PDB file of N, CA and C in Angstrom:
ATOM      1  N   MET A   1     -11.718 -16.129 -17.818  1.00  0.00           N
ATOM      2  CA  MET A   1     -11.536 -15.319 -17.058  1.00  0.00           C
ATOM      3  C   MET A   1     -11.544 -16.142 -15.343  1.00  0.00           C
ATOM      4  N   ILE A   2     -12.159 -18.044 -15.102  1.00  0.00           N
ATOM      5  CA  ILE A   2     -12.000 -17.794 -13.494  1.00  0.00           C
ATOM      6  C   ILE A   2     -11.151 -18.338 -14.359  1.00  0.00           C
ATOM      7  N   LYS A   3     -11.077 -19.451 -14.877  1.00  0.00           N
ATOM      8  CA  LYS A   3      -9.828 -20.577 -15.412  1.00  0.00           C
ATOM      9  C   LYS A   3      -8.262 -19.808 -15.517  1.00  0.00           C
ATOM     10  N   ASP A   4      -8.552 -18.524 -15.712  1.00  0.00           N
ATOM     11  CA  ASP A   4      -6.998 -17.426 -15.388  1.00  0.00           C
ATOM     12  C   ASP A   4      -7.133 -16.993 -14.413  1.00  0.00           C
ATOM     13  N   MET A   5      -7.933 -16.917 -13.468  1.00  0.00           N
ATOM     14  CA  MET A   5      -8.113 -16.630 -12.228  1.00  0.00           C
ATOM     15  C   MET A   5      -7.541 -17.829 -11.370  1.00  0.00           C
ATOM     16  N   VAL A   6      -8.290 -18.427 -11.132  1.00  0.00           N
ATOM     17  CA  VAL A   6      -7.493 -20.374 -10.699  1.00  0.00           C
ATOM     18  C   VAL A   6      -6.138 -20.523 -11.204  1.00  0.00           C
ATOM     19  N   GLU A   7      -5.659 -20.503 -11.972  1.00  0.00           N
ATOM     20  CA  GLU A   7      -4.069 -20.443 -12.354  1.00  0.00           C
ATOM     21  C   GLU A   7      -3.475 -19.142 -12.049  1.00  0.00           C
ATOM     22  N   TYR A   8      -3.915 -18.663 -11.861  1.00  0.00           N
ATOM     23  CA  TYR A   8      -3.039 -17.282 -11.444  1.00  0.00           C
ATOM     24  C   TYR A   8      -2.411 -17.456  -9.560  1.00  0.00           C
ATOM     25  N   LEU A   9      -4.154 -17.979  -8.795  1.00  0.00           N
ATOM     26  CA  LEU A   9      -3.987 -17.633  -7.311  1.00  0.00           C
ATOM     27  C   LEU A   9      -2.982 -19.180  -7.679  1.00  0.00           C
ATOM     28  N   ILE A  10      -3.277 -20.478  -7.839  1.00  0.00           N
ATOM     29  CA  ILE A  10      -2.171 -22.117  -7.751  1.00  0.00           C
ATOM     30  C   ILE A  10      -0.771 -21.401  -8.205  1.00  0.00           C
ATOM     31  N   LYS A  11      -0.856 -20.885  -9.297  1.00  0.00           N
ATOM     32  CA  LYS A  11       0.688 -20.588  -9.466  1.00  0.00           C
ATOM     33  C   LYS A  11       1.556 -19.898  -8.080  1.00  0.00           C
ATOM     34  N   GLU A  12       0.715 -19.048  -7.544  1.00  0.00           N
ATOM     35  CA  GLU A  12       1.182 -17.866  -6.580  1.00  0.00           C
ATOM     36  C   GLU A  12       1.224 -18.938  -4.804  1.00  0.00           C
ATOM     37  N   ILE A  13       0.810 -19.854  -5.283  1.00  0.00           N
ATOM     38  CA  ILE A  13       0.991 -20.723  -3.732  1.00  0.00           C
ATOM     39  C   ILE A  13       2.112 -22.068  -3.912  1.00  0.00           C
ATOM     40  N   VAL A  14       2.516 -22.383  -5.273  1.00  0.00           N
ATOM     41  CA  VAL A  14       3.111 -23.594  -5.138  1.00  0.00           C
ATOM     42  C   VAL A  14       4.949 -23.007  -5.605  1.00  0.00           C
ATOM     43  N   GLU A  15       5.289 -24.290  -5.198  1.00  0.00           N
ATOM     44  CA  GLU A  15       6.818 -23.876  -5.602  1.00  0.00           C
ATOM     45  C   GLU A  15       7.596 -23.357  -7.040  1.00  0.00           C
ATOM     46  N   LYS A  16       6.379 -24.661  -7.550  1.00  0.00           N
ATOM     47  CA  LYS A  16       7.033 -24.902  -9.119  1.00  0.00           C
ATOM     48  C   LYS A  16       5.553 -24.816 -10.176  1.00  0.00           C
ATOM     49  N   PRO A  17       5.754 -23.441 -10.264  1.00  0.00           N
ATOM     50  CA  PRO A  17       4.130 -22.669 -11.527  1.00  0.00           C
ATOM     51  C   PRO A  17       4.672 -23.389 -12.641  1.00  0.00           C
ATOM     52  N   GLU A  18       5.743 -23.799 -12.840  1.00  0.00           N
ATOM     53  CA  GLU A  18       6.084 -24.034 -14.420  1.00  0.00           C
ATOM     54  C   GLU A  18       5.052 -25.977 -14.518  1.00  0.00           C
ATOM     55  N   SER A  19       4.401 -26.405 -13.467  1.00  0.00           N
ATOM     56  CA  SER A  19       4.412 -27.742 -13.386  1.00  0.00           C
ATOM     57  C   SER A  19       2.527 -27.789 -13.133  1.00  0.00           C
ATOM     58  N   VAL A  20       1.942 -26.471 -12.887  1.00  0.00           N
ATOM     59  CA  VAL A  20       0.613 -26.425 -12.483  1.00  0.00           C
ATOM     60  C   VAL A  20       0.170 -26.486 -14.064  1.00  0.00           C
ATOM     61  N   LEU A  21      -1.033 -27.110 -14.226  1.00  0.00           N
ATOM     62  CA  LEU A  21      -2.055 -27.447 -15.261  1.00  0.00           C
ATOM     63  C   LEU A  21      -3.476 -27.146 -14.905  1.00  0.00           C
ATOM     64  N   ILE A  22      -3.986 -26.494 -15.635  1.00  0.00           N
ATOM     65  CA  ILE A  22      -5.607 -26.006 -15.520  1.00  0.00           C
ATOM     66  C   ILE A  22      -6.754 -26.988 -16.502  1.00  0.00           C
ATOM     67  N   GLN A  23      -7.346 -27.599 -16.342  1.00  0.00           N
ATOM     68  CA  GLN A  23      -8.185 -28.204 -17.562  1.00  0.00           C
ATOM     69  C   GLN A  23      -9.256 -27.766 -16.989  1.00  0.00           C
ATOM     70  N   GLU A  24     -10.020 -27.057 -17.888  1.00  0.00           N
ATOM     71  CA  GLU A  24     -11.552 -26.531 -17.945  1.00  0.00           C
ATOM     72  C   GLU A  24     -12.038 -27.458 -18.549  1.00  0.00           C
ATOM     73  N   ARG A  25     -13.722 -28.070 -18.503  1.00  0.00           N
ATOM     74  CA  ARG A  25     -14.382 -28.816 -18.940  1.00  0.00           C
ATOM     75  C   ARG A  25     -15.903 -28.694 -18.391  1.00  0.00           C
ATOM     76  N   GLN A  26     -16.812 -28.407 -18.900  1.00  0.00           N
ATOM     77  CA  GLN A  26     -18.405 -28.838 -18.426  1.00  0.00           C
ATOM     78  C   GLN A  26     -19.218 -30.276 -18.521  1.00  0.00           C
ATOM     79  N   GLN A  27     -19.624 -29.975 -17.621  1.00  0.00           N
ATOM     80  CA  GLN A  27     -20.561 -31.436 -17.403  1.00  0.00           C
ATOM     81  C   GLN A  27     -22.334 -30.359 -17.213  1.00  0.00           C
ATOM     82  N   GLY A  28     -22.736 -30.834 -17.891  1.00  0.00           N
ATOM     83  CA  GLY A  28     -24.212 -30.172 -17.546  1.00  0.00           C
ATOM     84  C   GLY A  28     -23.976 -28.202 -17.492  1.00  0.00           C
ATOM     85  N   ASP A  29     -24.434 -27.987 -16.624  1.00  0.00           N
ATOM     86  CA  ASP A  29     -24.461 -26.429 -16.124  1.00  0.00           C
ATOM     87  C   ASP A  29     -23.663 -25.865 -15.190  1.00  0.00           C
ATOM     88  N   VAL A  30     -22.494 -26.921 -15.029  1.00  0.00           N
ATOM     89  CA  VAL A  30     -21.125 -27.067 -13.998  1.00  0.00           C
ATOM     90  C   VAL A  30     -19.866 -26.973 -15.271  1.00  0.00           C
ATOM     91  N   ASP A  31     -19.188 -26.359 -14.762  1.00  0.00           N
ATOM     92  CA  ASP A  31     -18.082 -25.855 -14.767  1.00  0.00           C
ATOM     93  C   ASP A  31     -17.030 -26.444 -13.901  1.00  0.00           C
ATOM     94  N   ILE A  32     -16.163 -27.355 -14.223  1.00  0.00           N
ATOM     95  CA  ILE A  32     -15.501 -27.948 -13.618  1.00  0.00           C
ATOM     96  C   ILE A  32     -13.681 -27.531 -14.374  1.00  0.00           C
ATOM     97  N   PHE A  33     -12.828 -27.331 -13.434  1.00  0.00           N
ATOM     98  CA  PHE A  33     -11.447 -27.205 -13.369  1.00  0.00           C
ATOM     99  C   PHE A  33     -10.744 -28.587 -12.521  1.00  0.00           C
ATOM    100  N   GLU A  34      -9.976 -28.874 -13.233  1.00  0.00           N
ATOM    101  CA  GLU A  34      -9.360 -30.065 -12.840  1.00  0.00           C
ATOM    102  C   GLU A  34      -7.619 -29.432 -12.946  1.00  0.00           C
ATOM    103  N   ILE A  35      -7.297 -29.540 -11.238  1.00  0.00           N
ATOM    104  CA  ILE A  35      -6.238 -28.477 -11.361  1.00  0.00           C
ATOM    105  C   ILE A  35      -5.048 -30.115 -10.856  1.00  0.00           C
ATOM    106  N   THR A  36      -3.653 -29.804 -11.753  1.00  0.00           N
ATOM    107  CA  THR A  36      -2.933 -30.461 -11.737  1.00  0.00           C
ATOM    108  C   THR A  36      -1.724 -29.960 -10.743  1.00  0.00           C
ATOM    109  N   VAL A  37      -0.931 -30.504 -10.236  1.00  0.00           N
ATOM    110  CA  VAL A  37       0.382 -29.270  -9.732  1.00  0.00           C
ATOM    111  C   VAL A  37       1.518 -30.781  -9.497  1.00  0.00           C
ATOM    112  N   ASP A  38       2.238 -30.364  -9.140  1.00  0.00           N
ATOM    113  CA  ASP A  38       3.656 -30.988  -9.002  1.00  0.00           C
ATOM    114  C   ASP A  38       3.031 -31.813  -7.620  1.00  0.00           C
ATOM    115  N   PRO A  39       3.636 -33.787  -7.254  1.00  0.00           N
ATOM    116  CA  PRO A  39       3.591 -33.817  -6.368  1.00  0.00           C
ATOM    117  C   PRO A  39       3.718 -33.941  -5.233  1.00  0.00           C
ATOM    118  N   ASN A  40       4.639 -32.888  -4.907  1.00  0.00           N
ATOM    119  CA  ASN A  40       5.085 -31.985  -3.543  1.00  0.00           C
ATOM    120  C   ASN A  40       4.548 -31.153  -2.704  1.00  0.00           C
ATOM    121  N   ASP A  41       3.680 -30.419  -4.069  1.00  0.00           N
ATOM    122  CA  ASP A  41       2.957 -29.187  -4.085  1.00  0.00           C
ATOM    123  C   ASP A  41       1.767 -29.135  -3.402  1.00  0.00           C
ATOM    124  N   ARG A  42       1.309 -30.764  -3.304  1.00  0.00           N
ATOM    125  CA  ARG A  42      -0.209 -30.619  -3.228  1.00  0.00           C
ATOM    126  C   ARG A  42      -0.714 -30.788  -2.116  1.00  0.00           C
ATOM    127  N   GLY A  43       0.059 -30.846  -1.093  1.00  0.00           N
ATOM    128  CA  GLY A  43       0.014 -30.196   0.176  1.00  0.00           C
ATOM    129  C   GLY A  43      -0.326 -28.327   0.528  1.00  0.00           C
ATOM    130  N   LYS A  44       0.086 -28.266  -0.584  1.00  0.00           N
ATOM    131  CA  LYS A  44       0.077 -25.949   0.047  1.00  0.00           C
ATOM    132  C   LYS A  44      -0.910 -25.835  -0.637  1.00  0.00           C
ATOM    133  N   VAL A  45      -1.644 -26.700  -1.881  1.00  0.00           N
ATOM    134  CA  VAL A  45      -2.784 -26.094  -2.366  1.00  0.00           C
ATOM    135  C   VAL A  45      -3.728 -26.997  -1.518  1.00  0.00           C
ATOM    136  N   ILE A  46      -3.422 -27.922  -0.808  1.00  0.00           N
ATOM    137  CA  ILE A  46      -4.973 -28.551   0.108  1.00  0.00           C
ATOM    138  C   ILE A  46      -5.110 -27.121   1.504  1.00  0.00           C
ATOM    139  N   GLY A  47      -3.990 -27.282   1.712  1.00  0.00           N
ATOM    140  CA  GLY A  47      -3.247 -26.822   2.704  1.00  0.00           C
ATOM    141  C   GLY A  47      -4.209 -27.592   4.458  1.00  0.00           C
ATOM    142  N   ARG A  48      -3.604 -26.819   5.583  1.00  0.00           N
ATOM    143  CA  ARG A  48      -4.125 -27.657   6.681  1.00  0.00           C
ATOM    144  C   ARG A  48      -5.441 -27.708   6.895  1.00  0.00           C
ATOM    145  N   GLU A  49      -5.764 -29.019   6.763  1.00  0.00           N
ATOM    146  CA  GLU A  49      -7.162 -29.880   6.896  1.00  0.00           C
ATOM    147  C   GLU A  49      -8.601 -28.921   5.881  1.00  0.00           C
ATOM    148  N   GLY A  50      -7.241 -28.796   4.729  1.00  0.00           N
ATOM    149  CA  GLY A  50      -8.255 -28.011   3.493  1.00  0.00           C
ATOM    150  C   GLY A  50      -8.319 -26.485   3.533  1.00  0.00           C
ATOM    151  N   GLN A  51      -8.044 -25.448   4.671  1.00  0.00           N
ATOM    152  CA  GLN A  51      -8.076 -24.588   4.530  1.00  0.00           C
ATOM    153  C   GLN A  51      -7.743 -23.506   2.734  1.00  0.00           C
ATOM    154  N   THR A  52      -6.600 -24.260   2.832  1.00  0.00           N
ATOM    155  CA  THR A  52      -6.334 -23.009   1.739  1.00  0.00           C
ATOM    156  C   THR A  52      -7.497 -23.540  -0.008  1.00  0.00           C
ATOM    157  N   ILE A  53      -7.342 -24.906  -0.085  1.00  0.00           N
ATOM    158  CA  ILE A  53      -8.570 -24.961  -1.221  1.00  0.00           C
ATOM    159  C   ILE A  53      -9.779 -24.396  -1.045  1.00  0.00           C
ATOM    160  N   LYS A  54     -10.526 -24.197   0.024  1.00  0.00           N
ATOM    161  CA  LYS A  54     -11.622 -23.785   0.888  1.00  0.00           C
ATOM    162  C   LYS A  54     -11.766 -22.582   0.499  1.00  0.00           C
ATOM    163  N   ALA A  55     -10.280 -21.871   1.205  1.00  0.00           N
ATOM    164  CA  ALA A  55     -10.809 -20.121   0.241  1.00  0.00           C
ATOM    165  C   ALA A  55     -10.495 -19.714  -0.974  1.00  0.00           C
ATOM    166  N   LEU A  56     -10.016 -20.866  -1.949  1.00  0.00           N
ATOM    167  CA  LEU A  56      -9.541 -20.831  -3.387  1.00  0.00           C
ATOM    168  C   LEU A  56     -11.151 -20.589  -3.868  1.00  0.00           C
ATOM    169  N   ARG A  57     -11.902 -21.726  -3.534  1.00  0.00           N
ATOM    170  CA  ARG A  57     -13.339 -21.944  -3.907  1.00  0.00           C
ATOM    171  C   ARG A  57     -14.223 -20.886  -3.304  1.00  0.00           C
ATOM    172  N   VAL A  58     -14.108 -20.341  -1.921  1.00  0.00           N
ATOM    173  CA  VAL A  58     -15.241 -19.546  -1.464  1.00  0.00           C
ATOM    174  C   VAL A  58     -14.969 -18.080  -2.289  1.00  0.00           C
ATOM    175  N   LEU A  59     -13.491 -17.478  -2.014  1.00  0.00           N
ATOM    176  CA  LEU A  59     -13.052 -16.441  -3.110  1.00  0.00           C
ATOM    177  C   LEU A  59     -13.407 -16.754  -4.897  1.00  0.00           C
ATOM    178  N   ILE A  60     -13.578 -18.469  -5.373  1.00  0.00           N
ATOM    179  CA  ILE A  60     -14.202 -18.092  -7.435  1.00  0.00           C
ATOM    180  C   ILE A  60     -15.343 -17.779  -6.723  1.00  0.00           C
ATOM    181  N   SER A  61     -16.090 -18.157  -5.930  1.00  0.00           N
ATOM    182  CA  SER A  61     -17.581 -17.748  -5.760  1.00  0.00           C
ATOM    183  C   SER A  61     -17.941 -16.582  -5.936  1.00  0.00           C
ATOM    184  N   THR A  62     -16.520 -15.943  -4.870  1.00  0.00           N
ATOM    185  CA  THR A  62     -17.911 -13.905  -4.550  1.00  0.00           C
ATOM    186  C   THR A  62     -17.328 -13.615  -5.579  1.00  0.00           C
ATOM    187  N   VAL A  63     -16.163 -14.411  -6.687  1.00  0.00           N
ATOM    188  CA  VAL A  63     -15.993 -13.199  -8.161  1.00  0.00           C
ATOM    189  C   VAL A  63     -17.464 -13.464  -9.058  1.00  0.00           C
ATOM    190  N   VAL A  64     -17.424 -14.729  -8.999  1.00  0.00           N
ATOM    191  CA  VAL A  64     -18.273 -15.247  -9.902  1.00  0.00           C
ATOM    192  C   VAL A  64     -19.919 -14.434  -9.750  1.00  0.00           C
ATOM    193  N   THR A  65     -20.131 -13.448 -10.042  1.00  0.00           N
ATOM    194  CA  THR A  65     -21.395 -12.753 -10.140  1.00  0.00           C
ATOM    195  C   THR A  65     -22.730 -13.163 -10.747  1.00  0.00           C
ATOM    196  N   SER A  66     -22.299 -14.365 -12.004  1.00  0.00           N
ATOM    197  CA  SER A  66     -24.208 -15.003 -11.545  1.00  0.00           C
ATOM    198  C   SER A  66     -24.316 -16.049 -11.089  1.00  0.00           C
ATOM    199  N   ASN A  67     -25.356 -17.100 -11.336  1.00  0.00           N
ATOM    200  CA  ASN A  67     -25.687 -18.235 -10.144  1.00  0.00           C
ATOM    201  C   ASN A  67     -24.651 -19.464 -11.186  1.00  0.00           C
ATOM    202  N   LYS A  68     -23.584 -19.022 -12.143  1.00  0.00           N
ATOM    203  CA  LYS A  68     -22.888 -19.865 -12.498  1.00  0.00           C
ATOM    204  C   LYS A  68     -22.413 -20.832 -11.763  1.00  0.00           C
ATOM    205  N   LYS A  69     -22.806 -22.186 -11.798  1.00  0.00           N
ATOM    206  CA  LYS A  69     -22.120 -23.335 -11.002  1.00  0.00           C
ATOM    207  C   LYS A  69     -20.615 -23.479 -11.477  1.00  0.00           C
ATOM    208  N   PHE A  70     -19.647 -24.027 -10.420  1.00  0.00           N
ATOM    209  CA  PHE A  70     -18.661 -24.641 -10.497  1.00  0.00           C
ATOM    210  C   PHE A  70     -18.074 -25.650  -9.700  1.00  0.00           C
ATOM    211  N   LEU A  71     -16.680 -25.919 -10.075  1.00  0.00           N
ATOM    212  CA  LEU A  71     -16.627 -27.200  -9.236  1.00  0.00           C
ATOM    213  C   LEU A  71     -14.900 -27.596  -9.170  1.00  0.00           C
ATOM    214  N   ILE A  72     -14.102 -26.670  -8.429  1.00  0.00           N
ATOM    215  CA  ILE A  72     -12.759 -27.123  -8.071  1.00  0.00           C
ATOM    216  C   ILE A  72     -11.837 -28.226  -7.979  1.00  0.00           C
ATOM    217  N   ASP A  73     -11.564 -29.165  -9.007  1.00  0.00           N
ATOM    218  CA  ASP A  73     -11.400 -30.662  -8.097  1.00  0.00           C
ATOM    219  C   ASP A  73      -9.039 -30.618  -8.346  1.00  0.00           C
ATOM    220  N   LEU A  74      -8.383 -31.042  -7.110  1.00  0.00           N
ATOM    221  CA  LEU A  74      -7.254 -31.057  -7.661  1.00  0.00           C
ATOM    222  C   LEU A  74      -7.347 -32.466  -7.571  1.00  0.00           C
ATOM    223  N   VAL A  75      -6.272 -32.648  -9.013  1.00  0.00           N
ATOM    224  CA  VAL A  75      -6.163 -34.114 -10.103  1.00  0.00           C
ATOM    225  C   VAL A  75      -5.004 -34.597  -8.813  1.00  0.00           C
ATOM    226  N   GLN A  76      -5.100 -36.111  -8.840  1.00  0.00           N
ATOM    227  CA  GLN A  76      -3.915 -36.632  -8.044  1.00  0.00           C
ATOM    228  C   GLN A  76      -2.927 -37.119  -9.645  1.00  0.00           C
ATOM    229  N   LEU A  77      -1.788 -36.788  -9.135  1.00  0.00           N
ATOM    230  CA  LEU A  77      -0.855 -37.575 -10.313  1.00  0.00           C
ATOM    231  C   LEU A  77      -0.408 -39.429 -10.257  1.00  0.00           C
TER     232      LEU A  77
END
């Protein structure tokens, strides 16, 4: 559910949605979502002063109703 939401939101932001790759893994009790996008789209995902990626994290944390922990990481190619 979270992975699908992250993927949908990221694909709406970038110019090359076909290059979006989301990998999910667990580390202890934390779900980690590693996002890979086209290098030209990194700035759009991060946003000015990190506003876009921060907003994405807030939005996801609002949707997650349990005390589940997660981390959204933008992977650099």
